């Protein structure tokens, strides 16, 4: 699909996506980073969106779930049309727990899609589902975040083990957990520095990974805190550095 422009034929394409972040460009423009369904992570220039007269500026804010028409540029693509699909931002931004959890989800989505233009449909669907769960408010935001982090890591190829030994595969439950080894470890494979989480913590982590919300919602606050610590440590190990937004997340 294309149209005529000053330099000849301009290539247009359309996709749906979630706005991950924005950056100011010049006096009136912004660079918008989105995770899209078909084109993966896309950075595009949205011209004039910082002007008060802009009709699309409010739609291109973080958490926005939008349908966008782009044109292909020499260095960065550009935005020509935007339609709102879901206004997640208005519901998330007014609740601190949801906002900090959601911000960590957006940062994770960007970190786990390092190549621009590389399709990442599963990561996109996970992010949309996670944001919808935050807005619905049926589960604690911290649980929604940890479930999202575990599943997005699994999609990226770093699925942790919470029952079988991550090294030899022998069935658990096991009491040792090592982020560098990939999860739970049997007594024979336990490595120095392994954590010794409570059995309830590993059960909660397994429930979050598999979507067992009955078990997750019934968990105790201390179990959730220990599980969150393990998720954060595992995420930091796989990404080689932690998320800037994760320390701000409000935990129950």
C-alpha atoms as a PDB file:
ATOM      1  CA  UNK A   1       0.000   0.000   0.000  1.00  0.00           C
ATOM      2  CA  UNK A   2       1.339   3.419  -0.806  1.00  0.00           C
ATOM      3  CA  UNK A   3       0.630   7.029  -1.600  1.00  0.00           C
ATOM      4  CA  UNK A   4       2.374   9.880  -3.344  1.00  0.00           C
ATOM      5  CA  UNK A   5       4.557  12.343  -1.464  1.00  0.00           C
ATOM      6  CA  UNK A   6       7.234  14.948  -2.118  1.00  0.00           C
ATOM      7  CA  UNK A   7       9.845  12.271  -2.799  1.00  0.00           C
ATOM      8  CA  UNK A   8       7.655   9.940  -4.823  1.00  0.00           C
ATOM      9  CA  UNK A   9       5.921   6.829  -3.520  1.00  0.00           C
ATOM     10  CA  UNK A  10       5.430   6.582   0.244  1.00  0.00           C
ATOM     11  CA  UNK A  11       4.914   3.126   1.735  1.00  0.00           C
ATOM     12  CA  UNK A  12       2.086   2.912   4.261  1.00  0.00           C
ATOM     13  CA  UNK A  13       1.235   0.139   6.684  1.00  0.00           C
ATOM     14  CA  UNK A  14      -1.262  -0.285   9.494  1.00  0.00           C
ATOM     15  CA  UNK A  15      -1.035  -2.162  12.785  1.00  0.00           C
ATOM     16  CA  UNK A  16      -2.413  -2.216  16.297  1.00  0.00           C
ATOM     17  CA  UNK A  17      -0.135  -1.693  19.249  1.00  0.00           C
ATOM     18  CA  UNK A  18       0.481  -0.524  22.791  1.00  0.00           C
ATOM     19  CA  UNK A  19       2.399   2.693  23.428  1.00  0.00           C
ATOM     20  CA  UNK A  20       5.421   1.822  25.576  1.00  0.00           C
ATOM     21  CA  UNK A  21       6.994   5.261  25.938  1.00  0.00           C
ATOM     22  CA  UNK A  22       7.378   8.662  24.310  1.00  0.00           C
ATOM     23  CA  UNK A  23      10.287  11.072  23.819  1.00  0.00           C
ATOM     24  CA  UNK A  24      10.206  14.748  22.914  1.00  0.00           C
ATOM     25  CA  UNK A  25      11.543  15.647  19.483  1.00  0.00           C
ATOM     26  CA  UNK A  26      12.032  19.251  18.488  1.00  0.00           C
ATOM     27  CA  UNK A  27       9.430  21.776  19.583  1.00  0.00           C
ATOM     28  CA  UNK A  28       6.215  19.955  18.715  1.00  0.00           C
ATOM     29  CA  UNK A  29       6.951  16.329  17.820  1.00  0.00           C
ATOM     30  CA  UNK A  30       7.455  13.104  19.716  1.00  0.00           C
ATOM     31  CA  UNK A  31       9.120   9.765  19.057  1.00  0.00           C
ATOM     32  CA  UNK A  32       6.624   7.061  19.990  1.00  0.00           C
ATOM     33  CA  UNK A  33       7.754   3.543  20.881  1.00  0.00           C
ATOM     34  CA  UNK A  34       5.056   0.892  20.455  1.00  0.00           C
ATOM     35  CA  UNK A  35       4.832  -2.866  20.695  1.00  0.00           C
ATOM     36  CA  UNK A  36       2.689  -3.839  17.718  1.00  0.00           C
ATOM     37  CA  UNK A  37       0.936  -7.059  16.830  1.00  0.00           C
ATOM     38  CA  UNK A  38       2.491  -7.703  13.416  1.00  0.00           C
ATOM     39  CA  UNK A  39       5.643  -5.566  13.321  1.00  0.00           C
ATOM     40  CA  UNK A  40       6.990  -6.031  16.843  1.00  0.00           C
ATOM     41  CA  UNK A  41       8.611  -3.011  18.421  1.00  0.00           C
ATOM     42  CA  UNK A  42       8.274   0.125  16.307  1.00  0.00           C
ATOM     43  CA  UNK A  43       9.663   3.622  16.867  1.00  0.00           C
ATOM     44  CA  UNK A  44       7.927   6.313  14.877  1.00  0.00           C
ATOM     45  CA  UNK A  45       7.754  10.095  14.726  1.00  0.00           C
ATOM     46  CA  UNK A  46       4.394  11.685  15.515  1.00  0.00           C
ATOM     47  CA  UNK A  47       4.537  15.209  14.159  1.00  0.00           C
ATOM     48  CA  UNK A  48       2.825  18.078  15.943  1.00  0.00           C
ATOM     49  CA  UNK A  49       1.405  15.951  18.770  1.00  0.00           C
ATOM     50  CA  UNK A  50       2.717  18.274  21.489  1.00  0.00           C
ATOM     51  CA  UNK A  51       0.636  21.148  20.160  1.00  0.00           C
ATOM     52  CA  UNK A  52      -2.631  21.787  21.996  1.00  0.00           C
ATOM     53  CA  UNK A  53      -4.426  21.601  18.655  1.00  0.00           C
ATOM     54  CA  UNK A  54      -3.267  18.046  17.967  1.00  0.00           C
ATOM     55  CA  UNK A  55      -6.127  15.610  17.503  1.00  0.00           C
ATOM     56  CA  UNK A  56      -4.035  12.495  18.118  1.00  0.00           C
ATOM     57  CA  UNK A  57      -1.590  13.557  20.845  1.00  0.00           C
ATOM     58  CA  UNK A  58      -3.725  12.279  23.720  1.00  0.00           C
ATOM     59  CA  UNK A  59      -4.058   8.893  22.026  1.00  0.00           C
ATOM     60  CA  UNK A  60      -0.290   8.400  21.839  1.00  0.00           C
ATOM     61  CA  UNK A  61       0.459   8.267  25.552  1.00  0.00           C
ATOM     62  CA  UNK A  62       1.914   5.269  27.448  1.00  0.00           C
ATOM     63  CA  UNK A  63      -0.598   2.445  28.004  1.00  0.00           C
ATOM     64  CA  UNK A  64      -2.607   3.527  24.960  1.00  0.00           C
ATOM     65  CA  UNK A  65      -3.921   0.568  22.950  1.00  0.00           C
ATOM     66  CA  UNK A  66      -4.248   1.990  19.470  1.00  0.00           C
ATOM     67  CA  UNK A  67      -4.736   1.256  15.792  1.00  0.00           C
ATOM     68  CA  UNK A  68      -2.073   3.196  13.879  1.00  0.00           C
ATOM     69  CA  UNK A  69      -1.275   3.949  10.269  1.00  0.00           C
ATOM     70  CA  UNK A  70       2.454   4.436   9.658  1.00  0.00           C
ATOM     71  CA  UNK A  71       4.536   5.538   6.721  1.00  0.00           C
ATOM     72  CA  UNK A  72       8.021   4.144   6.170  1.00  0.00           C
ATOM     73  CA  UNK A  73      10.787   6.691   6.628  1.00  0.00           C
ATOM     74  CA  UNK A  74      14.513   6.695   5.900  1.00  0.00           C
ATOM     75  CA  UNK A  75      15.551   6.566   9.564  1.00  0.00           C
ATOM     76  CA  UNK A  76      12.324   6.505  11.559  1.00  0.00           C
ATOM     77  CA  UNK A  77       8.828   5.684  10.409  1.00  0.00           C
ATOM     78  CA  UNK A  78       6.066   8.229  10.902  1.00  0.00           C
ATOM     79  CA  UNK A  79       2.512   8.217  12.245  1.00  0.00           C
ATOM     80  CA  UNK A  80      -0.304   9.455  10.012  1.00  0.00           C
ATOM     81  CA  UNK A  81      -3.488   8.190  11.695  1.00  0.00           C
ATOM     82  CA  UNK A  82      -4.387   6.926  15.188  1.00  0.00           C
ATOM     83  CA  UNK A  83      -7.584   5.365  16.527  1.00  0.00           C
ATOM     84  CA  UNK A  84      -8.033   4.356  20.159  1.00  0.00           C
ATOM     85  CA  UNK A  85      -8.850   0.686  20.751  1.00  0.00           C
ATOM     86  CA  UNK A  86      -8.759   0.757  24.554  1.00  0.00           C
ATOM     87  CA  UNK A  87      -7.985   3.622  26.923  1.00  0.00           C
ATOM     88  CA  UNK A  88      -5.998   1.662  29.497  1.00  0.00           C
ATOM     89  CA  UNK A  89      -4.118   4.740  30.647  1.00  0.00           C
ATOM     90  CA  UNK A  90      -7.049   6.566  32.243  1.00  0.00           C
ATOM     91  CA  UNK A  91      -7.847   3.627  34.532  1.00  0.00           C
ATOM     92  CA  UNK A  92      -4.235   2.788  35.351  1.00  0.00           C
ATOM     93  CA  UNK A  93      -2.806   6.269  35.898  1.00  0.00           C
ATOM     94  CA  UNK A  94      -5.177   7.145  38.751  1.00  0.00           C
ATOM     95  CA  UNK A  95      -4.141   4.188  40.934  1.00  0.00           C
ATOM     96  CA  UNK A  96      -0.551   4.114  42.204  1.00  0.00           C
ATOM     97  CA  UNK A  97      -0.354   0.316  42.530  1.00  0.00           C
ATOM     98  CA  UNK A  98      -1.709  -0.229  39.037  1.00  0.00           C
ATOM     99  CA  UNK A  99       0.419   2.546  37.570  1.00  0.00           C
ATOM    100  CA  UNK A 100       3.731   1.286  38.951  1.00  0.00           C
ATOM    101  CA  UNK A 101       2.911  -2.315  37.996  1.00  0.00           C
ATOM    102  CA  UNK A 102       1.866  -1.208  34.524  1.00  0.00           C
ATOM    103  CA  UNK A 103       4.999   0.885  34.049  1.00  0.00           C
ATOM    104  CA  UNK A 104       7.138  -2.150  34.899  1.00  0.00           C
ATOM    105  CA  UNK A 105       5.197  -4.173  32.337  1.00  0.00           C
ATOM    106  CA  UNK A 106       5.802  -1.594  29.605  1.00  0.00           C
ATOM    107  CA  UNK A 107       9.530  -1.497  30.378  1.00  0.00           C
ATOM    108  CA  UNK A 108       9.721  -5.292  30.354  1.00  0.00           C
ATOM    109  CA  UNK A 109       7.953  -5.478  26.993  1.00  0.00           C
ATOM    110  CA  UNK A 110      10.498  -3.105  25.497  1.00  0.00           C
ATOM    111  CA  UNK A 111      13.463  -4.917  27.013  1.00  0.00           C
ATOM    112  CA  UNK A 112      12.257  -8.315  25.785  1.00  0.00           C
ATOM    113  CA  UNK A 113      11.806  -7.107  22.201  1.00  0.00           C
ATOM    114  CA  UNK A 114      15.320  -5.818  21.460  1.00  0.00           C
ATOM    115  CA  UNK A 115      15.065  -5.944  17.656  1.00  0.00           C
ATOM    116  CA  UNK A 116      12.888  -3.311  15.993  1.00  0.00           C
ATOM    117  CA  UNK A 117      10.530  -4.633  13.347  1.00  0.00           C
ATOM    118  CA  UNK A 118      10.874  -8.238  14.532  1.00  0.00           C
ATOM    119  CA  UNK A 119       7.395  -9.794  15.010  1.00  0.00           C
ATOM    120  CA  UNK A 120       6.612 -10.634  18.657  1.00  0.00           C
ATOM    121  CA  UNK A 121       2.947 -11.593  18.641  1.00  0.00           C
ATOM    122  CA  UNK A 122       3.036 -13.562  21.893  1.00  0.00           C
ATOM    123  CA  UNK A 123       4.733 -10.729  23.761  1.00  0.00           C
ATOM    124  CA  UNK A 124       2.156  -8.294  22.370  1.00  0.00           C
ATOM    125  CA  UNK A 125      -0.783 -10.479  23.421  1.00  0.00           C
ATOM    126  CA  UNK A 126       0.706 -10.977  26.888  1.00  0.00           C
ATOM    127  CA  UNK A 127       1.084  -7.231  27.361  1.00  0.00           C
ATOM    128  CA  UNK A 128      -2.470  -6.464  26.237  1.00  0.00           C
ATOM    129  CA  UNK A 129      -3.799  -9.212  28.497  1.00  0.00           C
ATOM    130  CA  UNK A 130      -1.767  -7.960  31.442  1.00  0.00           C
ATOM    131  CA  UNK A 131      -2.977  -4.387  31.033  1.00  0.00           C
ATOM    132  CA  UNK A 132      -6.567  -5.576  30.755  1.00  0.00           C
ATOM    133  CA  UNK A 133      -6.137  -7.536  33.982  1.00  0.00           C
ATOM    134  CA  UNK A 134      -4.795  -4.433  35.730  1.00  0.00           C
ATOM    135  CA  UNK A 135      -7.773  -2.387  34.593  1.00  0.00           C
ATOM    136  CA  UNK A 136     -10.276  -5.100  35.564  1.00  0.00           C
ATOM    137  CA  UNK A 137      -8.972  -5.071  39.131  1.00  0.00           C
ATOM    138  CA  UNK A 138      -9.941  -8.686  39.845  1.00  0.00           C
ATOM    139  CA  UNK A 139      -6.468  -9.541  41.147  1.00  0.00           C
ATOM    140  CA  UNK A 140      -3.845  -7.710  43.158  1.00  0.00           C
ATOM    141  CA  UNK A 141      -1.688  -5.566  40.812  1.00  0.00           C
ATOM    142  CA  UNK A 142       1.480  -7.121  42.203  1.00  0.00           C
ATOM    143  CA  UNK A 143       0.240 -10.610  41.339  1.00  0.00           C
ATOM    144  CA  UNK A 144      -0.743  -9.487  37.836  1.00  0.00           C
ATOM    145  CA  UNK A 145       2.724  -8.003  37.342  1.00  0.00           C
ATOM    146  CA  UNK A 146       4.580 -11.094  38.566  1.00  0.00           C
ATOM    147  CA  UNK A 147       2.400 -13.356  36.407  1.00  0.00           C
ATOM    148  CA  UNK A 148       3.154 -11.160  33.406  1.00  0.00           C
ATOM    149  CA  UNK A 149       6.896 -11.120  34.114  1.00  0.00           C
ATOM    150  CA  UNK A 150       7.094 -14.899  34.454  1.00  0.00           C
ATOM    151  CA  UNK A 151       5.095 -15.527  31.287  1.00  0.00           C
ATOM    152  CA  UNK A 152       6.963 -12.950  29.214  1.00  0.00           C
ATOM    153  CA  UNK A 153      10.267 -14.465  30.310  1.00  0.00           C
ATOM    154  CA  UNK A 154       8.960 -17.891  29.334  1.00  0.00           C
ATOM    155  CA  UNK A 155       7.961 -16.636  25.874  1.00  0.00           C
ATOM    156  CA  UNK A 156      11.468 -15.196  25.528  1.00  0.00           C
ATOM    157  CA  UNK A 157      12.878 -18.678  26.171  1.00  0.00           C
ATOM    158  CA  UNK A 158      13.746 -18.314  29.855  1.00  0.00           C
ATOM    159  CA  UNK A 159      10.998 -20.334  31.522  1.00  0.00           C
ATOM    160  CA  UNK A 160      11.911 -20.965  35.184  1.00  0.00           C
ATOM    161  CA  UNK A 161      11.203 -24.292  36.881  1.00  0.00           C
ATOM    162  CA  UNK A 162       9.317 -24.263  40.174  1.00  0.00           C
ATOM    163  CA  UNK A 163       8.780 -28.012  40.646  1.00  0.00           C
ATOM    164  CA  UNK A 164      11.174 -30.240  38.727  1.00  0.00           C
ATOM    165  CA  UNK A 165      14.895 -29.699  39.243  1.00  0.00           C
ATOM    166  CA  UNK A 166      16.139 -27.186  36.686  1.00  0.00           C
ATOM    167  CA  UNK A 167      19.344 -29.210  36.222  1.00  0.00           C
ATOM    168  CA  UNK A 168      18.451 -32.910  36.274  1.00  0.00           C
ATOM    169  CA  UNK A 169      14.676 -32.760  35.884  1.00  0.00           C
ATOM    170  CA  UNK A 170      13.809 -34.923  38.881  1.00  0.00           C
ATOM    171  CA  UNK A 171      10.307 -34.198  40.132  1.00  0.00           C
ATOM    172  CA  UNK A 172       9.887 -31.956  43.160  1.00  0.00           C
ATOM    173  CA  UNK A 173       8.945 -30.229  45.261  1.00  0.00           C
ATOM    174  CA  UNK A 174      12.456 -29.015  46.076  1.00  0.00           C
ATOM    175  CA  UNK A 175      13.554 -26.460  48.650  1.00  0.00           C
ATOM    176  CA  UNK A 176      16.445 -24.784  46.839  1.00  0.00           C
ATOM    177  CA  UNK A 177      16.063 -22.097  44.177  1.00  0.00           C
ATOM    178  CA  UNK A 178      18.834 -20.602  42.049  1.00  0.00           C
ATOM    179  CA  UNK A 179      18.228 -17.791  39.561  1.00  0.00           C
ATOM    180  CA  UNK A 180      21.471 -18.588  37.727  1.00  0.00           C
ATOM    181  CA  UNK A 181      20.510 -22.263  37.365  1.00  0.00           C
ATOM    182  CA  UNK A 182      16.997 -21.626  36.120  1.00  0.00           C
ATOM    183  CA  UNK A 183      14.835 -22.309  39.145  1.00  0.00           C
ATOM    184  CA  UNK A 184      14.268 -25.068  41.680  1.00  0.00           C
ATOM    185  CA  UNK A 185      17.105 -27.465  42.450  1.00  0.00           C
ATOM    186  CA  UNK A 186      17.179 -30.887  44.067  1.00  0.00           C
ATOM    187  CA  UNK A 187      19.512 -31.492  47.005  1.00  0.00           C
ATOM    188  CA  UNK A 188      22.094 -33.182  44.759  1.00  0.00           C
ATOM    189  CA  UNK A 189      22.253 -30.235  42.349  1.00  0.00           C
ATOM    190  CA  UNK A 190      21.960 -27.405  44.850  1.00  0.00           C
ATOM    191  CA  UNK A 191      24.605 -24.739  44.208  1.00  0.00           C
ATOM    192  CA  UNK A 192      26.198 -22.304  46.676  1.00  0.00           C
ATOM    193  CA  UNK A 193      24.143 -19.169  47.140  1.00  0.00           C
ATOM    194  CA  UNK A 194      20.835 -20.864  46.411  1.00  0.00           C
ATOM    195  CA  UNK A 195      17.768 -19.415  48.111  1.00  0.00           C
ATOM    196  CA  UNK A 196      15.549 -21.564  50.318  1.00  0.00           C
ATOM    197  CA  UNK A 197      12.031 -20.192  49.747  1.00  0.00           C
ATOM    198  CA  UNK A 198       9.017 -21.532  51.583  1.00  0.00           C
ATOM    199  CA  UNK A 199       7.078 -24.284  49.841  1.00  0.00           C
ATOM    200  CA  UNK A 200       4.096 -21.919  49.596  1.00  0.00           C
ATOM    201  CA  UNK A 201       6.238 -19.427  47.671  1.00  0.00           C
ATOM    202  CA  UNK A 202       7.167 -21.937  44.979  1.00  0.00           C
ATOM    203  CA  UNK A 203       3.517 -22.988  44.787  1.00  0.00           C
ATOM    204  CA  UNK A 204       2.517 -19.361  44.252  1.00  0.00           C
ATOM    205  CA  UNK A 205       5.137 -18.859  41.545  1.00  0.00           C
ATOM    206  CA  UNK A 206       3.962 -21.986  39.723  1.00  0.00           C
ATOM    207  CA  UNK A 207       0.360 -20.771  39.991  1.00  0.00           C
ATOM    208  CA  UNK A 208       1.241 -17.375  38.515  1.00  0.00           C
ATOM    209  CA  UNK A 209       3.083 -18.982  35.625  1.00  0.00           C
ATOM    210  CA  UNK A 210       0.219 -21.356  34.793  1.00  0.00           C
ATOM    211  CA  UNK A 211      -2.700 -19.000  35.496  1.00  0.00           C
ATOM    212  CA  UNK A 212      -4.016 -20.718  38.612  1.00  0.00           C
ATOM    213  CA  UNK A 213      -5.615 -17.578  40.030  1.00  0.00           C
ATOM    214  CA  UNK A 214      -7.522 -19.387  42.780  1.00  0.00           C
ATOM    215  CA  UNK A 215      -4.212 -20.377  44.361  1.00  0.00           C
ATOM    216  CA  UNK A 216      -2.591 -17.014  43.661  1.00  0.00           C
ATOM    217  CA  UNK A 217      -5.455 -14.946  45.108  1.00  0.00           C
ATOM    218  CA  UNK A 218      -5.513 -17.079  48.277  1.00  0.00           C
ATOM    219  CA  UNK A 219      -1.790 -16.524  48.987  1.00  0.00           C
ATOM    220  CA  UNK A 220      -0.571 -14.653  52.045  1.00  0.00           C
ATOM    221  CA  UNK A 221       1.189 -11.268  51.922  1.00  0.00           C
ATOM    222  CA  UNK A 222       4.535 -12.666  53.140  1.00  0.00           C
ATOM    223  CA  UNK A 223       4.394 -15.373  50.464  1.00  0.00           C
ATOM    224  CA  UNK A 224       3.734 -12.758  47.786  1.00  0.00           C
ATOM    225  CA  UNK A 225       6.648 -10.634  48.946  1.00  0.00           C
ATOM    226  CA  UNK A 226       9.075 -13.564  48.848  1.00  0.00           C
ATOM    227  CA  UNK A 227       7.772 -14.611  45.414  1.00  0.00           C
ATOM    228  CA  UNK A 228       8.156 -11.066  44.070  1.00  0.00           C
ATOM    229  CA  UNK A 229      11.754 -10.975  45.275  1.00  0.00           C
ATOM    230  CA  UNK A 230      12.553 -14.181  43.411  1.00  0.00           C
ATOM    231  CA  UNK A 231      10.831 -12.944  40.248  1.00  0.00           C
ATOM    232  CA  UNK A 232      12.779  -9.668  40.373  1.00  0.00           C
ATOM    233  CA  UNK A 233      16.072 -11.509  40.899  1.00  0.00           C
ATOM    234  CA  UNK A 234      15.359 -13.952  38.077  1.00  0.00           C
ATOM    235  CA  UNK A 235      14.360 -11.142  35.721  1.00  0.00           C
ATOM    236  CA  UNK A 236      17.492  -9.137  36.537  1.00  0.00           C
ATOM    237  CA  UNK A 237      19.690 -12.171  35.925  1.00  0.00           C
ATOM    238  CA  UNK A 238      18.181 -12.880  32.517  1.00  0.00           C
ATOM    239  CA  UNK A 239      18.184  -9.238  31.405  1.00  0.00           C
ATOM    240  CA  UNK A 240      21.656  -8.701  32.905  1.00  0.00           C
ATOM    241  CA  UNK A 241      20.365  -5.649  34.769  1.00  0.00           C
ATOM    242  CA  UNK A 242      17.223  -4.763  36.655  1.00  0.00           C
ATOM    243  CA  UNK A 243      14.259  -2.683  35.567  1.00  0.00           C
ATOM    244  CA  UNK A 244      14.353   0.988  36.511  1.00  0.00           C
ATOM    245  CA  UNK A 245      10.649   0.907  37.324  1.00  0.00           C
ATOM    246  CA  UNK A 246      10.517  -2.272  39.423  1.00  0.00           C
ATOM    247  CA  UNK A 247      11.712  -0.767  42.754  1.00  0.00           C
ATOM    248  CA  UNK A 248       8.791   1.698  42.589  1.00  0.00           C
ATOM    249  CA  UNK A 249       6.145  -1.038  42.490  1.00  0.00           C
ATOM    250  CA  UNK A 250       3.895  -0.952  45.526  1.00  0.00           C
ATOM    251  CA  UNK A 251       3.651  -4.325  47.185  1.00  0.00           C
ATOM    252  CA  UNK A 252       0.922  -5.403  49.598  1.00  0.00           C
END
